[in-house]
Amino acid sequence: MSNELLKQAVDYFGNQKKAADALGITQPTLNHSLSTGVVSAEVALRIQKATGGKFKAVDLRPSLKRDFVSISVA
């Protein structure tokens, strides 16, 4: 995932606290994702939903593409 993309998603909400509140997570959890560049699949999906699709979960968590392909092939 592009850490820059997650930063853009946070900016969409205004700041880390507002983003965390909108996503139903804590600010330290969000800060950790920003620091590591890793966002969980659940949070990526929450970001997509909360932003009306402006930020796609598969862009925030590229492994979702692979996971969905595996599911659809099975």
PDB file of N, CA and C in Angstrom:
ATOM      1  N   MET A   1       0.836  -1.174   0.000  1.00  0.00           N
ATOM      2  CA  MET A   1       0.000   0.000   0.000  1.00  0.00           C
ATOM      3  C   MET A   1       0.879   1.234   0.000  1.00  0.00           C
ATOM      4  N   SER A   2       0.408   2.216  -0.660  1.00  0.00           N
ATOM      5  CA  SER A   2       1.102   3.495  -0.649  1.00  0.00           C
ATOM      6  C   SER A   2       0.770   4.234   0.636  1.00  0.00           C
ATOM      7  N   ASN A   3       1.820   4.519   1.412  1.00  0.00           N
ATOM      8  CA  ASN A   3       1.615   5.284   2.642  1.00  0.00           C
ATOM      9  C   ASN A   3       1.018   6.649   2.311  1.00  0.00           C
ATOM     10  N   GLU A   4       1.370   7.178   1.153  1.00  0.00           N
ATOM     11  CA  GLU A   4       0.842   8.471   0.717  1.00  0.00           C
ATOM     12  C   GLU A   4      -0.675   8.405   0.544  1.00  0.00           C
ATOM     13  N   LEU A   5      -1.164   7.302   0.042  1.00  0.00           N
ATOM     14  CA  LEU A   5      -2.608   7.148  -0.153  1.00  0.00           C
ATOM     15  C   LEU A   5      -3.342   7.155   1.191  1.00  0.00           C
ATOM     16  N   LEU A   6      -2.777   6.485   2.180  1.00  0.00           N
ATOM     17  CA  LEU A   6      -3.396   6.497   3.504  1.00  0.00           C
ATOM     18  C   LEU A   6      -3.364   7.906   4.087  1.00  0.00           C
ATOM     19  N   LYS A   7      -2.268   8.629   3.890  1.00  0.00           N
ATOM     20  CA  LYS A   7      -2.193  10.014   4.349  1.00  0.00           C
ATOM     21  C   LYS A   7      -3.271  10.865   3.683  1.00  0.00           C
ATOM     22  N   GLN A   8      -3.498  10.641   2.411  1.00  0.00           N
ATOM     23  CA  GLN A   8      -4.545  11.375   1.697  1.00  0.00           C
ATOM     24  C   GLN A   8      -5.921  11.053   2.270  1.00  0.00           C
ATOM     25  N   ALA A   9      -6.126   9.784   2.615  1.00  0.00           N
ATOM     26  CA  ALA A   9      -7.407   9.392   3.215  1.00  0.00           C
ATOM     27  C   ALA A   9      -7.603  10.093   4.561  1.00  0.00           C
ATOM     28  N   VAL A  10      -6.552  10.177   5.355  1.00  0.00           N
ATOM     29  CA  VAL A  10      -6.639  10.877   6.643  1.00  0.00           C
ATOM     30  C   VAL A  10      -6.957  12.350   6.402  1.00  0.00           C
ATOM     31  N   ASP A  11      -6.280  12.946   5.446  1.00  0.00           N
ATOM     32  CA  ASP A  11      -6.535  14.357   5.126  1.00  0.00           C
ATOM     33  C   ASP A  11      -7.977  14.584   4.684  1.00  0.00           C
ATOM     34  N   TYR A  12      -8.568  13.602   4.030  1.00  0.00           N
ATOM     35  CA  TYR A  12      -9.963  13.683   3.592  1.00  0.00           C
ATOM     36  C   TYR A  12     -10.876  13.972   4.791  1.00  0.00           C
ATOM     37  N   PHE A  13     -10.550  13.366   5.941  1.00  0.00           N
ATOM     38  CA  PHE A  13     -11.362  13.546   7.145  1.00  0.00           C
ATOM     39  C   PHE A  13     -10.955  14.784   7.944  1.00  0.00           C
ATOM     40  N   GLY A  14      -9.762  15.288   7.707  1.00  0.00           N
ATOM     41  CA  GLY A  14      -9.301  16.486   8.395  1.00  0.00           C
ATOM     42  C   GLY A  14      -8.067  16.273   9.241  1.00  0.00           C
ATOM     43  N   ASN A  15      -8.066  15.221  10.049  1.00  0.00           N
ATOM     44  CA  ASN A  15      -6.899  14.888  10.858  1.00  0.00           C
ATOM     45  C   ASN A  15      -7.037  13.446  11.345  1.00  0.00           C
ATOM     46  N   GLN A  16      -6.011  12.958  12.047  1.00  0.00           N
ATOM     47  CA  GLN A  16      -6.035  11.559  12.479  1.00  0.00           C
ATOM     48  C   GLN A  16      -7.191  11.257  13.427  1.00  0.00           C
ATOM     49  N   LYS A  17      -7.474  12.147  14.346  1.00  0.00           N
ATOM     50  CA  LYS A  17      -8.555  11.902  15.316  1.00  0.00           C
ATOM     51  C   LYS A  17      -9.905  11.808  14.617  1.00  0.00           C
ATOM     52  N   LYS A  18     -10.177  12.739  13.716  1.00  0.00           N
ATOM     53  CA  LYS A  18     -11.448  12.711  12.983  1.00  0.00           C
ATOM     54  C   LYS A  18     -11.542  11.472  12.100  1.00  0.00           C
ATOM     55  N   ALA A  19     -10.436  11.102  11.471  1.00  0.00           N
ATOM     56  CA  ALA A  19     -10.435   9.910  10.619  1.00  0.00           C
ATOM     57  C   ALA A  19     -10.682   8.659  11.456  1.00  0.00           C
ATOM     58  N   ALA A  20      -9.968   8.555  12.577  1.00  0.00           N
ATOM     59  CA  ALA A  20     -10.143   7.393  13.451  1.00  0.00           C
ATOM     60  C   ALA A  20     -11.582   7.288  13.939  1.00  0.00           C
ATOM     61  N   ASP A  21     -12.159   8.402  14.352  1.00  0.00           N
ATOM     62  CA  ASP A  21     -13.552   8.398  14.811  1.00  0.00           C
ATOM     63  C   ASP A  21     -14.494   7.950  13.703  1.00  0.00           C
ATOM     64  N   ALA A  22     -14.284   8.460  12.501  1.00  0.00           N
ATOM     65  CA  ALA A  22     -15.146   8.101  11.372  1.00  0.00           C
ATOM     66  C   ALA A  22     -15.023   6.623  11.013  1.00  0.00           C
ATOM     67  N   LEU A  23     -13.859   6.057  11.281  1.00  0.00           N
ATOM     68  CA  LEU A  23     -13.609   4.660  10.915  1.00  0.00           C
ATOM     69  C   LEU A  23     -13.879   3.689  12.053  1.00  0.00           C
ATOM     70  N   GLY A  24     -14.169   4.217  13.228  1.00  0.00           N
ATOM     71  CA  GLY A  24     -14.449   3.348  14.369  1.00  0.00           C
ATOM     72  C   GLY A  24     -13.208   2.665  14.915  1.00  0.00           C
ATOM     73  N   ILE A  25     -12.056   3.340  14.814  1.00  0.00           N
ATOM     74  CA  ILE A  25     -10.810   2.811  15.357  1.00  0.00           C
ATOM     75  C   ILE A  25     -10.186   3.893  16.242  1.00  0.00           C
ATOM     76  N   THR A  26      -9.130   3.544  16.948  1.00  0.00           N
ATOM     77  CA  THR A  26      -8.472   4.536  17.790  1.00  0.00           C
ATOM     78  C   THR A  26      -7.433   5.301  16.976  1.00  0.00           C
ATOM     79  N   GLN A  27      -7.125   6.502  17.448  1.00  0.00           N
ATOM     80  CA  GLN A  27      -6.100   7.303  16.778  1.00  0.00           C
ATOM     81  C   GLN A  27      -4.738   6.606  16.820  1.00  0.00           C
ATOM     82  N   PRO A  28      -4.349   5.964  17.943  1.00  0.00           N
ATOM     83  CA  PRO A  28      -3.071   5.249  17.932  1.00  0.00           C
ATOM     84  C   PRO A  28      -3.022   4.110  16.899  1.00  0.00           C
ATOM     85  N   THR A  29      -4.142   3.443  16.682  1.00  0.00           N
ATOM     86  CA  THR A  29      -4.190   2.394  15.657  1.00  0.00           C
ATOM     87  C   THR A  29      -3.954   2.993  14.285  1.00  0.00           C
ATOM     88  N   LEU A  30      -4.583   4.113  14.014  1.00  0.00           N
ATOM     89  CA  LEU A  30      -4.405   4.782  12.734  1.00  0.00           C
ATOM     90  C   LEU A  30      -2.970   5.278  12.589  1.00  0.00           C
ATOM     91  N   ASN A  31      -2.423   5.839  13.651  1.00  0.00           N
ATOM     92  CA  ASN A  31      -1.046   6.313  13.621  1.00  0.00           C
ATOM     93  C   ASN A  31      -0.077   5.167  13.335  1.00  0.00           C
ATOM     94  N   HIS A  32      -0.347   4.016  13.907  1.00  0.00           N
ATOM     95  CA  HIS A  32       0.490   2.834  13.658  1.00  0.00           C
ATOM     96  C   HIS A  32       0.442   2.449  12.180  1.00  0.00           C
ATOM     97  N   SER A  33      -0.742   2.469  11.602  1.00  0.00           N
ATOM     98  CA  SER A  33      -0.868   2.158  10.174  1.00  0.00           C
ATOM     99  C   SER A  33      -0.093   3.161   9.330  1.00  0.00           C
ATOM    100  N   LEU A  34      -0.153   4.413   9.698  1.00  0.00           N
ATOM    101  CA  LEU A  34       0.598   5.438   8.974  1.00  0.00           C
ATOM    102  C   LEU A  34       2.105   5.217   9.118  1.00  0.00           C
ATOM    103  N   SER A  35       2.530   4.809  10.293  1.00  0.00           N
ATOM    104  CA  SER A  35       3.959   4.602  10.549  1.00  0.00           C
ATOM    105  C   SER A  35       4.496   3.377   9.821  1.00  0.00           C
ATOM    106  N   THR A  36       3.698   2.327   9.769  1.00  0.00           N
ATOM    107  CA  THR A  36       4.163   1.073   9.172  1.00  0.00           C
ATOM    108  C   THR A  36       3.819   0.949   7.693  1.00  0.00           C
ATOM    109  N   GLY A  37       2.823   1.713   7.259  1.00  0.00           N
ATOM    110  CA  GLY A  37       2.373   1.599   5.878  1.00  0.00           C
ATOM    111  C   GLY A  37       1.484   0.387   5.649  1.00  0.00           C
ATOM    112  N   VAL A  38       0.999  -0.203   6.754  1.00  0.00           N
ATOM    113  CA  VAL A  38       0.149  -1.391   6.658  1.00  0.00           C
ATOM    114  C   VAL A  38      -1.212  -1.077   7.261  1.00  0.00           C
ATOM    115  N   VAL A  39      -2.248  -1.328   6.491  1.00  0.00           N
ATOM    116  CA  VAL A  39      -3.614  -1.136   6.972  1.00  0.00           C
ATOM    117  C   VAL A  39      -4.337  -2.475   6.850  1.00  0.00           C
ATOM    118  N   SER A  40      -5.129  -2.815   7.844  1.00  0.00           N
ATOM    119  CA  SER A  40      -5.850  -4.088   7.796  1.00  0.00           C
ATOM    120  C   SER A  40      -6.902  -4.052   6.690  1.00  0.00           C
ATOM    121  N   ALA A  41      -7.297  -5.222   6.263  1.00  0.00           N
ATOM    122  CA  ALA A  41      -8.338  -5.318   5.240  1.00  0.00           C
ATOM    123  C   ALA A  41      -9.633  -4.680   5.748  1.00  0.00           C
ATOM    124  N   GLU A  42      -9.938  -4.903   7.011  1.00  0.00           N
ATOM    125  CA  GLU A  42     -11.165  -4.338   7.584  1.00  0.00           C
ATOM    126  C   GLU A  42     -11.146  -2.814   7.554  1.00  0.00           C
ATOM    127  N   VAL A  43     -10.030  -2.231   7.948  1.00  0.00           N
ATOM    128  CA  VAL A  43      -9.933  -0.768   7.961  1.00  0.00           C
ATOM    129  C   VAL A  43      -9.941  -0.237   6.531  1.00  0.00           C
ATOM    130  N   ALA A  44      -9.293  -0.923   5.612  1.00  0.00           N
ATOM    131  CA  ALA A  44      -9.306  -0.498   4.207  1.00  0.00           C
ATOM    132  C   ALA A  44     -10.737  -0.459   3.681  1.00  0.00           C
ATOM    133  N   LEU A  45     -11.522  -1.464   4.023  1.00  0.00           N
ATOM    134  CA  LEU A  45     -12.923  -1.491   3.592  1.00  0.00           C
ATOM    135  C   LEU A  45     -13.735  -0.387   4.269  1.00  0.00           C
ATOM    136  N   ARG A  46     -13.421  -0.103   5.530  1.00  0.00           N
ATOM    137  CA  ARG A  46     -14.110   0.994   6.233  1.00  0.00           C
ATOM    138  C   ARG A  46     -13.790   2.336   5.585  1.00  0.00           C
ATOM    139  N   ILE A  47     -12.527   2.511   5.181  1.00  0.00           N
ATOM    140  CA  ILE A  47     -12.133   3.755   4.519  1.00  0.00           C
ATOM    141  C   ILE A  47     -12.892   3.909   3.206  1.00  0.00           C
ATOM    142  N   GLN A  48     -12.975   2.830   2.445  1.00  0.00           N
ATOM    143  CA  GLN A  48     -13.701   2.896   1.173  1.00  0.00           C
ATOM    144  C   GLN A  48     -15.152   3.300   1.403  1.00  0.00           C
ATOM    145  N   LYS A  49     -15.783   2.680   2.376  1.00  0.00           N
ATOM    146  CA  LYS A  49     -17.191   2.975   2.654  1.00  0.00           C
ATOM    147  C   LYS A  49     -17.373   4.403   3.167  1.00  0.00           C
ATOM    148  N   ALA A  50     -16.522   4.818   4.107  1.00  0.00           N
ATOM    149  CA  ALA A  50     -16.663   6.142   4.728  1.00  0.00           C
ATOM    150  C   ALA A  50     -16.371   7.286   3.761  1.00  0.00           C
ATOM    151  N   THR A  51     -15.604   6.999   2.712  1.00  0.00           N
ATOM    152  CA  THR A  51     -15.267   8.049   1.740  1.00  0.00           C
ATOM    153  C   THR A  51     -16.110   7.938   0.476  1.00  0.00           C
ATOM    154  N   GLY A  52     -17.102   7.078   0.511  1.00  0.00           N
ATOM    155  CA  GLY A  52     -17.960   6.914  -0.661  1.00  0.00           C
ATOM    156  C   GLY A  52     -17.207   6.397  -1.877  1.00  0.00           C
ATOM    157  N   GLY A  53     -16.148   5.638  -1.623  1.00  0.00           N
ATOM    158  CA  GLY A  53     -15.388   5.031  -2.720  1.00  0.00           C
ATOM    159  C   GLY A  53     -14.261   5.899  -3.262  1.00  0.00           C
ATOM    160  N   LYS A  54     -14.067   7.072  -2.680  1.00  0.00           N
ATOM    161  CA  LYS A  54     -12.968   7.930  -3.144  1.00  0.00           C
ATOM    162  C   LYS A  54     -11.631   7.207  -2.993  1.00  0.00           C
ATOM    163  N   PHE A  55     -11.476   6.467  -1.906  1.00  0.00           N
ATOM    164  CA  PHE A  55     -10.281   5.664  -1.670  1.00  0.00           C
ATOM    165  C   PHE A  55     -10.694   4.198  -1.697  1.00  0.00           C
ATOM    166  N   LYS A  56     -10.155   3.457  -2.629  1.00  0.00           N
ATOM    167  CA  LYS A  56     -10.531   2.055  -2.817  1.00  0.00           C
ATOM    168  C   LYS A  56      -9.770   1.143  -1.863  1.00  0.00           C
ATOM    169  N   ALA A  57     -10.475   0.195  -1.293  1.00  0.00           N
ATOM    170  CA  ALA A  57      -9.859  -0.750  -0.367  1.00  0.00           C
ATOM    171  C   ALA A  57      -8.717  -1.521  -1.028  1.00  0.00           C
ATOM    172  N   VAL A  58      -8.875  -1.904  -2.274  1.00  0.00           N
ATOM    173  CA  VAL A  58      -7.820  -2.672  -2.953  1.00  0.00           C
ATOM    174  C   VAL A  58      -6.566  -1.839  -3.196  1.00  0.00           C
ATOM    175  N   ASP A  59      -6.699  -0.521  -3.239  1.00  0.00           N
ATOM    176  CA  ASP A  59      -5.525   0.341  -3.375  1.00  0.00           C
ATOM    177  C   ASP A  59      -4.822   0.512  -2.028  1.00  0.00           C
ATOM    178  N   LEU A  60      -5.610   0.538  -0.963  1.00  0.00           N
ATOM    179  CA  LEU A  60      -5.048   0.670   0.378  1.00  0.00           C
ATOM    180  C   LEU A  60      -4.476  -0.648   0.884  1.00  0.00           C
ATOM    181  N   ARG A  61      -5.051  -1.743   0.444  1.00  0.00           N
ATOM    182  CA  ARG A  61      -4.622  -3.088   0.858  1.00  0.00           C
ATOM    183  C   ARG A  61      -4.607  -3.981  -0.383  1.00  0.00           C
ATOM    184  N   PRO A  62      -3.536  -3.906  -1.176  1.00  0.00           N
ATOM    185  CA  PRO A  62      -3.475  -4.633  -2.449  1.00  0.00           C
ATOM    186  C   PRO A  62      -3.715  -6.139  -2.350  1.00  0.00           C
ATOM    187  N   SER A  63      -3.450  -6.737  -1.197  1.00  0.00           N
ATOM    188  CA  SER A  63      -3.679  -8.177  -1.058  1.00  0.00           C
ATOM    189  C   SER A  63      -5.156  -8.528  -1.208  1.00  0.00           C
ATOM    190  N   LEU A  64      -6.041  -7.545  -1.047  1.00  0.00           N
ATOM    191  CA  LEU A  64      -7.472  -7.811  -1.240  1.00  0.00           C
ATOM    192  C   LEU A  64      -7.756  -8.274  -2.657  1.00  0.00           C
ATOM    193  N   LYS A  65      -7.027  -7.731  -3.631  1.00  0.00           N
ATOM    194  CA  LYS A  65      -7.201  -8.166  -5.019  1.00  0.00           C
ATOM    195  C   LYS A  65      -6.941  -9.657  -5.139  1.00  0.00           C
ATOM    196  N   ARG A  66      -5.822 -10.081  -4.599  1.00  0.00           N
ATOM    197  CA  ARG A  66      -5.448 -11.491  -4.648  1.00  0.00           C
ATOM    198  C   ARG A  66      -6.468 -12.339  -3.903  1.00  0.00           C
ATOM    199  N   ASP A  67      -6.896 -11.866  -2.738  1.00  0.00           N
ATOM    200  CA  ASP A  67      -7.846 -12.624  -1.930  1.00  0.00           C
ATOM    201  C   ASP A  67      -9.180 -12.791  -2.648  1.00  0.00           C
ATOM    202  N   PHE A  68      -9.669 -11.719  -3.288  1.00  0.00           N
ATOM    203  CA  PHE A  68     -10.945 -11.803  -4.000  1.00  0.00           C
ATOM    204  C   PHE A  68     -10.839 -12.675  -5.240  1.00  0.00           C
ATOM    205  N   VAL A  69      -9.703 -12.647  -5.913  1.00  0.00           N
ATOM    206  CA  VAL A  69      -9.499 -13.517  -7.074  1.00  0.00           C
ATOM    207  C   VAL A  69      -9.515 -14.964  -6.620  1.00  0.00           C
ATOM    208  N   SER A  70      -8.862 -15.254  -5.501  1.00  0.00           N
ATOM    209  CA  SER A  70      -8.841 -16.621  -4.969  1.00  0.00           C
ATOM    210  C   SER A  70     -10.238 -17.099  -4.617  1.00  0.00           C
ATOM    211  N   ILE A  71     -11.037 -16.228  -4.032  1.00  0.00           N
ATOM    212  CA  ILE A  71     -12.397 -16.586  -3.651  1.00  0.00           C
ATOM    213  C   ILE A  71     -13.252 -16.845  -4.885  1.00  0.00           C
ATOM    214  N   SER A  72     -13.121 -16.000  -5.909  1.00  0.00           N
ATOM    215  CA  SER A  72     -13.967 -16.143  -7.079  1.00  0.00           C
ATOM    216  C   SER A  72     -13.581 -17.338  -7.929  1.00  0.00           C
ATOM    217  N   VAL A  73     -12.329 -17.791  -7.816  1.00  0.00           N
ATOM    218  CA  VAL A  73     -11.884 -18.946  -8.592  1.00  0.00           C
ATOM    219  C   VAL A  73     -12.292 -20.237  -7.905  1.00  0.00           C
ATOM    220  N   ALA A  74     -12.382 -20.215  -6.599  1.00  0.00           N
ATOM    221  CA  ALA A  74     -12.673 -21.434  -5.825  1.00  0.00           C
ATOM    222  C   ALA A  74     -14.039 -21.987  -6.090  1.00  0.00           C
TER     223      ALA A  74
END
